[in-house]
């Protein structure tokens, strides 16, 4: 199923993500796509808050690649911005996904293939603080 939401602020973007988090489980994967500044990390803050973690701890993991947040679920927050597509296989993402984590991947378009049963989120800057957020639940295609 596809859903399109419109956000007029960071708080609204976080709320949309928090609502989505109620559908997420261990072993789940959320793929985030969008340009720089489109709200991907803000969306992760909402997911972390939704699983009972501290959203204030969420930062973009651009330089460390992987951050971990704990709440009712353990979230592995991965940022592929500085990773080339041919280096992704070396990160061991399959092991993270097969464990008891919720895995959230920013810049998911850099993955060599999609993960089955993942939720894909597209964030689009619509001017000022406005965002269009498209959520595609449970993709089953592999690239």
N, C-alpha and C. Protein backbone atom coordinates (compact mmCIF):
# COMPACT_ATOMS: atom_id res chain seq x y z
N UNK A 1 0.83 -1.18 0.00
CA UNK A 1 0.00 0.00 0.00
C UNK A 1 0.88 1.25 0.00
N UNK A 2 0.42 2.25 -0.69
CA UNK A 2 1.14 3.51 -0.75
C UNK A 2 0.32 4.58 -0.05
N UNK A 3 1.01 5.40 0.73
CA UNK A 3 0.37 6.51 1.42
C UNK A 3 1.18 7.76 1.15
N UNK A 4 0.51 8.88 0.94
CA UNK A 4 1.20 10.15 0.79
C UNK A 4 0.73 11.06 1.91
N UNK A 5 1.70 11.62 2.62
CA UNK A 5 1.43 12.56 3.71
C UNK A 5 2.10 13.88 3.36
N UNK A 6 1.54 14.95 3.90
CA UNK A 6 2.14 16.27 3.72
C UNK A 6 2.46 16.82 5.09
N UNK A 7 3.67 17.33 5.22
CA UNK A 7 4.14 17.86 6.49
C UNK A 7 4.49 19.33 6.30
N UNK A 8 4.14 20.14 7.30
CA UNK A 8 4.47 21.57 7.25
C UNK A 8 5.53 21.95 8.26
N UNK A 9 6.09 20.96 8.97
CA UNK A 9 7.11 21.26 9.98
C UNK A 9 7.87 19.99 10.34
N UNK A 10 8.99 20.16 11.01
CA UNK A 10 9.73 19.01 11.51
C UNK A 10 8.88 18.21 12.49
N UNK A 11 8.12 18.89 13.33
CA UNK A 11 7.26 18.19 14.30
C UNK A 11 6.26 17.29 13.58
N UNK A 12 5.68 17.78 12.50
CA UNK A 12 4.72 16.96 11.75
C UNK A 12 5.41 15.77 11.09
N UNK A 13 6.62 15.99 10.57
CA UNK A 13 7.37 14.89 9.96
C UNK A 13 7.67 13.83 11.01
N UNK A 14 8.07 14.26 12.20
CA UNK A 14 8.32 13.32 13.29
C UNK A 14 7.04 12.57 13.67
N UNK A 15 5.92 13.26 13.70
CA UNK A 15 4.64 12.62 14.06
C UNK A 15 4.27 11.54 13.05
N UNK A 16 4.46 11.81 11.77
CA UNK A 16 4.16 10.84 10.72
C UNK A 16 5.02 9.59 10.90
N UNK A 17 6.30 9.80 11.19
CA UNK A 17 7.20 8.66 11.42
C UNK A 17 6.81 7.90 12.68
N UNK A 18 6.43 8.64 13.72
CA UNK A 18 6.03 8.00 14.97
C UNK A 18 4.81 7.11 14.74
N UNK A 19 3.87 7.57 13.95
CA UNK A 19 2.69 6.77 13.61
C UNK A 19 3.09 5.51 12.85
N UNK A 20 4.04 5.63 11.93
CA UNK A 20 4.52 4.48 11.18
C UNK A 20 5.18 3.47 12.11
N UNK A 21 5.88 3.95 13.13
CA UNK A 21 6.63 3.05 14.01
C UNK A 21 5.75 2.01 14.69
N UNK A 22 4.47 2.29 14.86
CA UNK A 22 3.59 1.33 15.50
C UNK A 22 3.39 0.07 14.65
N UNK A 23 3.72 0.16 13.36
CA UNK A 23 3.60 -0.99 12.46
C UNK A 23 4.92 -1.74 12.29
N UNK A 24 5.98 -1.28 12.94
CA UNK A 24 7.30 -1.86 12.73
C UNK A 24 7.63 -2.91 13.78
N UNK A 25 8.41 -3.91 13.35
CA UNK A 25 8.78 -5.00 14.24
C UNK A 25 10.27 -5.30 14.12
N UNK A 26 10.77 -6.14 15.02
CA UNK A 26 12.15 -6.60 14.93
C UNK A 26 12.37 -7.26 13.57
N UNK A 27 13.53 -7.01 13.01
CA UNK A 27 13.85 -7.57 11.71
C UNK A 27 13.30 -6.75 10.56
N UNK A 28 12.59 -5.67 10.87
CA UNK A 28 12.03 -4.81 9.83
C UNK A 28 13.07 -3.89 9.23
N UNK A 29 12.78 -3.42 8.03
CA UNK A 29 13.69 -2.52 7.32
C UNK A 29 12.89 -1.35 6.77
N UNK A 30 13.39 -0.14 7.03
CA UNK A 30 12.81 1.08 6.48
C UNK A 30 13.88 1.72 5.60
N UNK A 31 13.57 1.91 4.33
CA UNK A 31 14.49 2.51 3.37
C UNK A 31 14.07 3.96 3.14
N UNK A 32 14.97 4.90 3.45
CA UNK A 32 14.67 6.32 3.31
C UNK A 32 15.37 6.90 2.08
N UNK A 33 14.60 7.60 1.28
CA UNK A 33 15.13 8.24 0.08
C UNK A 33 14.73 9.70 0.06
N UNK A 34 15.62 10.54 -0.40
CA UNK A 34 15.34 11.97 -0.52
C UNK A 34 16.64 12.73 -0.65
N UNK A 35 16.55 13.93 -1.18
CA UNK A 35 17.72 14.78 -1.35
C UNK A 35 18.25 15.27 -0.01
N UNK A 36 19.41 15.89 -0.04
CA UNK A 36 19.95 16.53 1.17
C UNK A 36 18.92 17.51 1.71
N UNK A 37 18.70 17.47 3.01
CA UNK A 37 17.80 18.41 3.64
C UNK A 37 16.33 18.10 3.49
N UNK A 38 16.01 16.91 2.99
CA UNK A 38 14.60 16.57 2.77
C UNK A 38 13.90 16.07 4.03
N UNK A 39 14.66 15.78 5.08
CA UNK A 39 14.03 15.38 6.35
C UNK A 39 14.23 13.93 6.75
N UNK A 40 15.19 13.25 6.14
CA UNK A 40 15.41 11.84 6.46
C UNK A 40 15.77 11.64 7.93
N UNK A 41 16.69 12.42 8.46
CA UNK A 41 17.09 12.27 9.86
C UNK A 41 15.97 12.70 10.80
N UNK A 42 15.21 13.70 10.43
CA UNK A 42 14.04 14.12 11.21
C UNK A 42 13.05 12.95 11.28
N UNK A 43 12.86 12.26 10.16
CA UNK A 43 11.97 11.11 10.12
C UNK A 43 12.47 10.02 11.08
N UNK A 44 13.77 9.80 11.12
CA UNK A 44 14.34 8.80 12.04
C UNK A 44 14.07 9.19 13.49
N UNK A 45 14.16 10.49 13.79
CA UNK A 45 13.84 10.94 15.17
C UNK A 45 12.43 10.51 15.55
N UNK A 46 11.49 10.64 14.63
CA UNK A 46 10.12 10.22 14.89
C UNK A 46 10.00 8.72 15.10
N UNK A 47 10.74 7.95 14.29
CA UNK A 47 10.73 6.49 14.47
C UNK A 47 11.28 6.10 15.84
N UNK A 48 12.39 6.73 16.23
CA UNK A 48 13.00 6.43 17.53
C UNK A 48 12.04 6.78 18.67
N UNK A 49 11.41 7.95 18.58
CA UNK A 49 10.43 8.34 19.61
C UNK A 49 9.28 7.33 19.66
N UNK A 50 8.87 6.85 18.50
CA UNK A 50 7.75 5.93 18.42
C UNK A 50 8.01 4.58 19.05
N UNK A 51 9.28 4.17 19.11
CA UNK A 51 9.60 2.88 19.74
C UNK A 51 10.10 3.08 21.17
N UNK A 52 9.92 4.28 21.71
CA UNK A 52 10.27 4.53 23.11
C UNK A 52 11.70 4.94 23.35
N UNK A 53 12.43 5.28 22.29
CA UNK A 53 13.80 5.74 22.45
C UNK A 53 13.84 7.25 22.63
N UNK A 54 15.05 7.77 22.81
CA UNK A 54 15.25 9.20 23.01
C UNK A 54 15.53 9.87 21.67
N UNK A 55 14.59 10.61 21.11
CA UNK A 55 14.81 11.23 19.80
C UNK A 55 15.91 12.28 19.82
N UNK A 56 16.22 12.82 21.00
CA UNK A 56 17.28 13.83 21.09
C UNK A 56 18.66 13.24 20.79
N UNK A 57 18.80 11.92 20.86
CA UNK A 57 20.08 11.27 20.57
C UNK A 57 20.32 11.09 19.08
N UNK A 58 19.29 11.29 18.27
CA UNK A 58 19.40 11.01 16.84
C UNK A 58 20.16 12.12 16.13
N UNK A 59 21.21 11.71 15.46
CA UNK A 59 21.97 12.60 14.60
C UNK A 59 22.22 11.87 13.29
N UNK A 60 22.58 12.60 12.28
CA UNK A 60 22.90 11.95 11.01
C UNK A 60 24.20 11.17 11.17
N UNK A 61 24.17 9.87 10.85
CA UNK A 61 25.38 9.06 11.01
C UNK A 61 26.30 9.12 9.81
N UNK A 62 26.33 10.25 9.11
CA UNK A 62 27.09 10.37 7.87
C UNK A 62 28.55 9.96 8.03
N UNK A 63 29.18 10.34 9.13
CA UNK A 63 30.61 10.05 9.27
C UNK A 63 30.88 8.73 9.97
N UNK A 64 29.96 8.27 10.83
CA UNK A 64 30.17 6.99 11.50
C UNK A 64 29.41 5.86 10.81
N UNK A 65 28.58 6.17 9.88
CA UNK A 65 27.77 5.28 9.05
C UNK A 65 26.63 4.61 9.81
N UNK A 66 26.88 4.08 11.02
CA UNK A 66 25.82 3.38 11.76
C UNK A 66 25.72 3.92 13.18
N UNK A 67 24.50 4.30 13.58
CA UNK A 67 24.19 4.66 14.96
C UNK A 67 23.18 3.66 15.47
N UNK A 68 23.18 3.45 16.78
CA UNK A 68 22.19 2.56 17.39
C UNK A 68 21.41 3.31 18.45
N UNK A 69 20.10 3.11 18.45
CA UNK A 69 19.22 3.71 19.43
C UNK A 69 18.37 2.60 20.03
N UNK A 70 18.11 2.69 21.32
CA UNK A 70 17.32 1.64 21.94
C UNK A 70 16.05 2.22 22.54
N UNK A 71 15.03 1.43 22.49
CA UNK A 71 13.72 1.71 23.06
C UNK A 71 13.06 0.36 23.20
N UNK A 72 11.81 0.24 22.82
CA UNK A 72 11.15 -1.06 22.80
C UNK A 72 11.76 -1.96 21.73
N UNK A 73 12.34 -1.33 20.70
CA UNK A 73 13.09 -2.01 19.65
C UNK A 73 14.47 -1.37 19.58
N UNK A 74 15.45 -2.14 19.17
CA UNK A 74 16.77 -1.58 18.90
C UNK A 74 16.78 -1.13 17.44
N UNK A 75 17.10 0.13 17.22
CA UNK A 75 17.15 0.67 15.86
C UNK A 75 18.60 0.86 15.45
N UNK A 76 18.95 0.30 14.30
CA UNK A 76 20.24 0.54 13.66
C UNK A 76 19.97 1.56 12.55
N UNK A 77 20.54 2.74 12.70
CA UNK A 77 20.34 3.85 11.77
C UNK A 77 21.59 3.94 10.90
N UNK A 78 21.42 3.69 9.63
CA UNK A 78 22.54 3.61 8.70
C UNK A 78 22.42 4.72 7.66
N UNK A 79 23.52 5.37 7.37
CA UNK A 79 23.54 6.44 6.37
C UNK A 79 24.55 6.06 5.29
N UNK A 80 24.07 5.88 4.08
CA UNK A 80 24.94 5.46 2.98
C UNK A 80 25.45 6.62 2.13
N UNK A 81 25.28 7.85 2.60
CA UNK A 81 25.66 9.01 1.80
C UNK A 81 27.11 8.96 1.33
N UNK A 82 28.01 8.58 2.20
CA UNK A 82 29.44 8.56 1.87
C UNK A 82 29.94 7.18 1.45
N UNK A 83 29.03 6.27 1.20
CA UNK A 83 29.39 4.90 0.83
C UNK A 83 29.07 4.69 -0.64
N UNK A 84 30.03 4.19 -1.39
CA UNK A 84 29.79 3.88 -2.79
C UNK A 84 29.01 2.57 -2.88
N UNK A 85 28.21 2.44 -3.90
CA UNK A 85 27.38 1.26 -4.07
C UNK A 85 28.20 -0.03 -3.99
N UNK A 86 29.40 -0.04 -4.56
CA UNK A 86 30.21 -1.25 -4.53
C UNK A 86 30.79 -1.55 -3.15
N UNK A 87 30.68 -0.63 -2.19
CA UNK A 87 31.17 -0.85 -0.83
C UNK A 87 30.06 -1.33 0.12
N UNK A 88 28.83 -1.24 -0.30
CA UNK A 88 27.70 -1.57 0.57
C UNK A 88 27.76 -3.02 1.03
N UNK A 89 28.13 -3.93 0.15
CA UNK A 89 28.19 -5.36 0.51
C UNK A 89 29.12 -5.60 1.69
N UNK A 90 30.15 -4.77 1.85
CA UNK A 90 31.13 -4.95 2.94
C UNK A 90 30.60 -4.51 4.30
N UNK A 91 29.45 -3.86 4.35
CA UNK A 91 28.91 -3.35 5.61
C UNK A 91 28.23 -4.43 6.45
N UNK A 92 27.89 -5.56 5.86
CA UNK A 92 27.21 -6.62 6.59
C UNK A 92 25.77 -6.31 6.94
N UNK A 93 25.09 -5.61 6.06
CA UNK A 93 23.71 -5.22 6.34
C UNK A 93 22.79 -6.42 6.51
N UNK A 94 23.06 -7.50 5.79
CA UNK A 94 22.20 -8.69 5.92
C UNK A 94 22.20 -9.20 7.35
N UNK A 95 23.36 -9.16 8.01
CA UNK A 95 23.44 -9.63 9.40
C UNK A 95 22.64 -8.72 10.33
N UNK A 96 22.72 -7.42 10.09
CA UNK A 96 21.94 -6.48 10.90
C UNK A 96 20.45 -6.71 10.72
N UNK A 97 20.06 -6.94 9.49
CA UNK A 97 18.64 -7.12 9.19
C UNK A 97 18.12 -8.44 9.73
N UNK A 98 18.93 -9.47 9.69
CA UNK A 98 18.47 -10.77 10.15
C UNK A 98 18.46 -10.88 11.67
N UNK A 99 18.99 -9.89 12.36
CA UNK A 99 19.00 -9.92 13.82
C UNK A 99 17.73 -9.27 14.36
N UNK A 100 17.69 -9.05 15.65
CA UNK A 100 16.50 -8.48 16.30
C UNK A 100 16.52 -6.97 16.30
N UNK A 101 16.88 -6.38 15.20
CA UNK A 101 16.94 -4.93 15.07
C UNK A 101 15.87 -4.44 14.11
N UNK A 102 15.54 -3.19 14.25
CA UNK A 102 14.84 -2.48 13.21
C UNK A 102 15.92 -1.70 12.48
N UNK A 103 16.06 -1.88 11.20
CA UNK A 103 17.12 -1.24 10.43
C UNK A 103 16.51 -0.13 9.59
N UNK A 104 17.07 1.07 9.73
CA UNK A 104 16.62 2.24 8.98
C UNK A 104 17.81 2.73 8.17
N UNK A 105 17.63 2.80 6.84
CA UNK A 105 18.75 3.13 5.96
C UNK A 105 18.44 4.42 5.19
N UNK A 106 19.26 5.45 5.45
CA UNK A 106 19.18 6.69 4.68
C UNK A 106 20.00 6.52 3.41
N UNK A 107 19.59 7.19 2.35
CA UNK A 107 20.22 7.12 1.04
C UNK A 107 20.14 5.68 0.52
N UNK A 108 18.97 5.09 0.69
CA UNK A 108 18.76 3.70 0.30
C UNK A 108 18.91 3.46 -1.19
N UNK A 109 18.86 4.52 -1.99
CA UNK A 109 19.05 4.35 -3.43
C UNK A 109 20.46 3.87 -3.76
N UNK A 110 21.35 3.89 -2.78
CA UNK A 110 22.72 3.41 -3.01
C UNK A 110 22.86 1.91 -2.76
N UNK A 111 21.79 1.29 -2.30
CA UNK A 111 21.83 -0.15 -2.12
C UNK A 111 21.89 -0.84 -3.48
N UNK A 112 22.68 -1.90 -3.60
CA UNK A 112 22.72 -2.60 -4.88
C UNK A 112 21.41 -3.32 -5.19
N UNK A 113 20.61 -3.59 -4.17
CA UNK A 113 19.31 -4.22 -4.35
C UNK A 113 18.43 -3.86 -3.16
N UNK A 114 17.12 -3.91 -3.36
CA UNK A 114 16.19 -3.63 -2.27
C UNK A 114 16.09 -4.85 -1.37
N UNK A 115 15.74 -4.64 -0.12
CA UNK A 115 15.52 -5.74 0.79
C UNK A 115 14.05 -6.12 0.75
N UNK A 116 13.79 -7.40 0.63
CA UNK A 116 12.42 -7.89 0.55
C UNK A 116 11.64 -7.50 1.80
N UNK A 117 10.39 -7.18 1.61
CA UNK A 117 9.47 -6.82 2.69
C UNK A 117 9.87 -5.55 3.44
N UNK A 118 10.62 -4.68 2.78
CA UNK A 118 10.99 -3.42 3.40
C UNK A 118 9.91 -2.37 3.17
N UNK A 119 9.94 -1.35 3.99
CA UNK A 119 9.07 -0.20 3.82
C UNK A 119 9.93 0.91 3.22
N UNK A 120 9.48 1.47 2.12
CA UNK A 120 10.26 2.51 1.45
C UNK A 120 9.57 3.85 1.66
N UNK A 121 10.36 4.83 2.08
CA UNK A 121 9.85 6.17 2.34
C UNK A 121 10.59 7.15 1.44
N UNK A 122 9.84 7.95 0.71
CA UNK A 122 10.39 9.00 -0.15
C UNK A 122 10.02 10.35 0.46
N UNK A 123 11.03 11.14 0.78
CA UNK A 123 10.80 12.48 1.33
C UNK A 123 11.19 13.50 0.27
N UNK A 124 10.27 14.40 -0.01
CA UNK A 124 10.51 15.41 -1.03
C UNK A 124 10.29 16.79 -0.44
N UNK A 125 11.28 17.65 -0.63
CA UNK A 125 11.18 19.03 -0.19
C UNK A 125 10.15 19.74 -1.07
N UNK A 126 9.13 20.30 -0.43
CA UNK A 126 8.07 21.00 -1.17
C UNK A 126 8.11 22.50 -0.90
N UNK A 127 9.27 23.02 -0.50
CA UNK A 127 9.44 24.44 -0.24
C UNK A 127 9.28 24.78 1.22
N UNK A 128 10.06 25.75 1.67
CA UNK A 128 10.07 26.19 3.07
C UNK A 128 10.22 24.97 3.97
N UNK A 129 9.32 24.76 4.91
CA UNK A 129 9.40 23.60 5.80
C UNK A 129 8.47 22.48 5.36
N UNK A 130 7.91 22.58 4.18
CA UNK A 130 6.93 21.60 3.71
C UNK A 130 7.62 20.39 3.09
N UNK A 131 7.04 19.21 3.36
CA UNK A 131 7.56 17.97 2.81
C UNK A 131 6.41 17.12 2.31
N UNK A 132 6.66 16.43 1.21
CA UNK A 132 5.76 15.39 0.75
C UNK A 132 6.43 14.08 1.15
N UNK A 133 5.70 13.23 1.86
CA UNK A 133 6.26 11.98 2.36
C UNK A 133 5.42 10.83 1.81
N UNK A 134 6.03 10.04 0.95
CA UNK A 134 5.35 8.88 0.38
C UNK A 134 5.87 7.64 1.06
N UNK A 135 4.96 6.83 1.59
CA UNK A 135 5.33 5.60 2.29
C UNK A 135 4.77 4.42 1.52
N UNK A 136 5.67 3.56 1.05
CA UNK A 136 5.29 2.36 0.33
C UNK A 136 5.54 1.17 1.27
N UNK A 137 4.48 0.57 1.74
CA UNK A 137 4.60 -0.52 2.70
C UNK A 137 4.94 -1.84 2.03
N UNK A 138 5.88 -2.52 2.63
CA UNK A 138 6.21 -3.90 2.31
C UNK A 138 6.46 -4.15 0.83
N UNK A 139 7.53 -3.57 0.34
CA UNK A 139 7.91 -3.88 -1.03
C UNK A 139 8.44 -5.29 -1.08
N UNK A 140 8.13 -5.99 -2.13
CA UNK A 140 8.61 -7.37 -2.24
C UNK A 140 9.49 -7.54 -3.47
N UNK A 141 9.88 -6.42 -4.06
CA UNK A 141 10.74 -6.50 -5.24
C UNK A 141 12.20 -6.46 -4.82
N UNK A 142 13.00 -7.22 -5.52
CA UNK A 142 14.44 -7.19 -5.31
C UNK A 142 15.06 -6.66 -6.58
N UNK A 143 16.02 -5.76 -6.41
CA UNK A 143 16.66 -5.15 -7.56
C UNK A 143 17.98 -5.84 -7.82
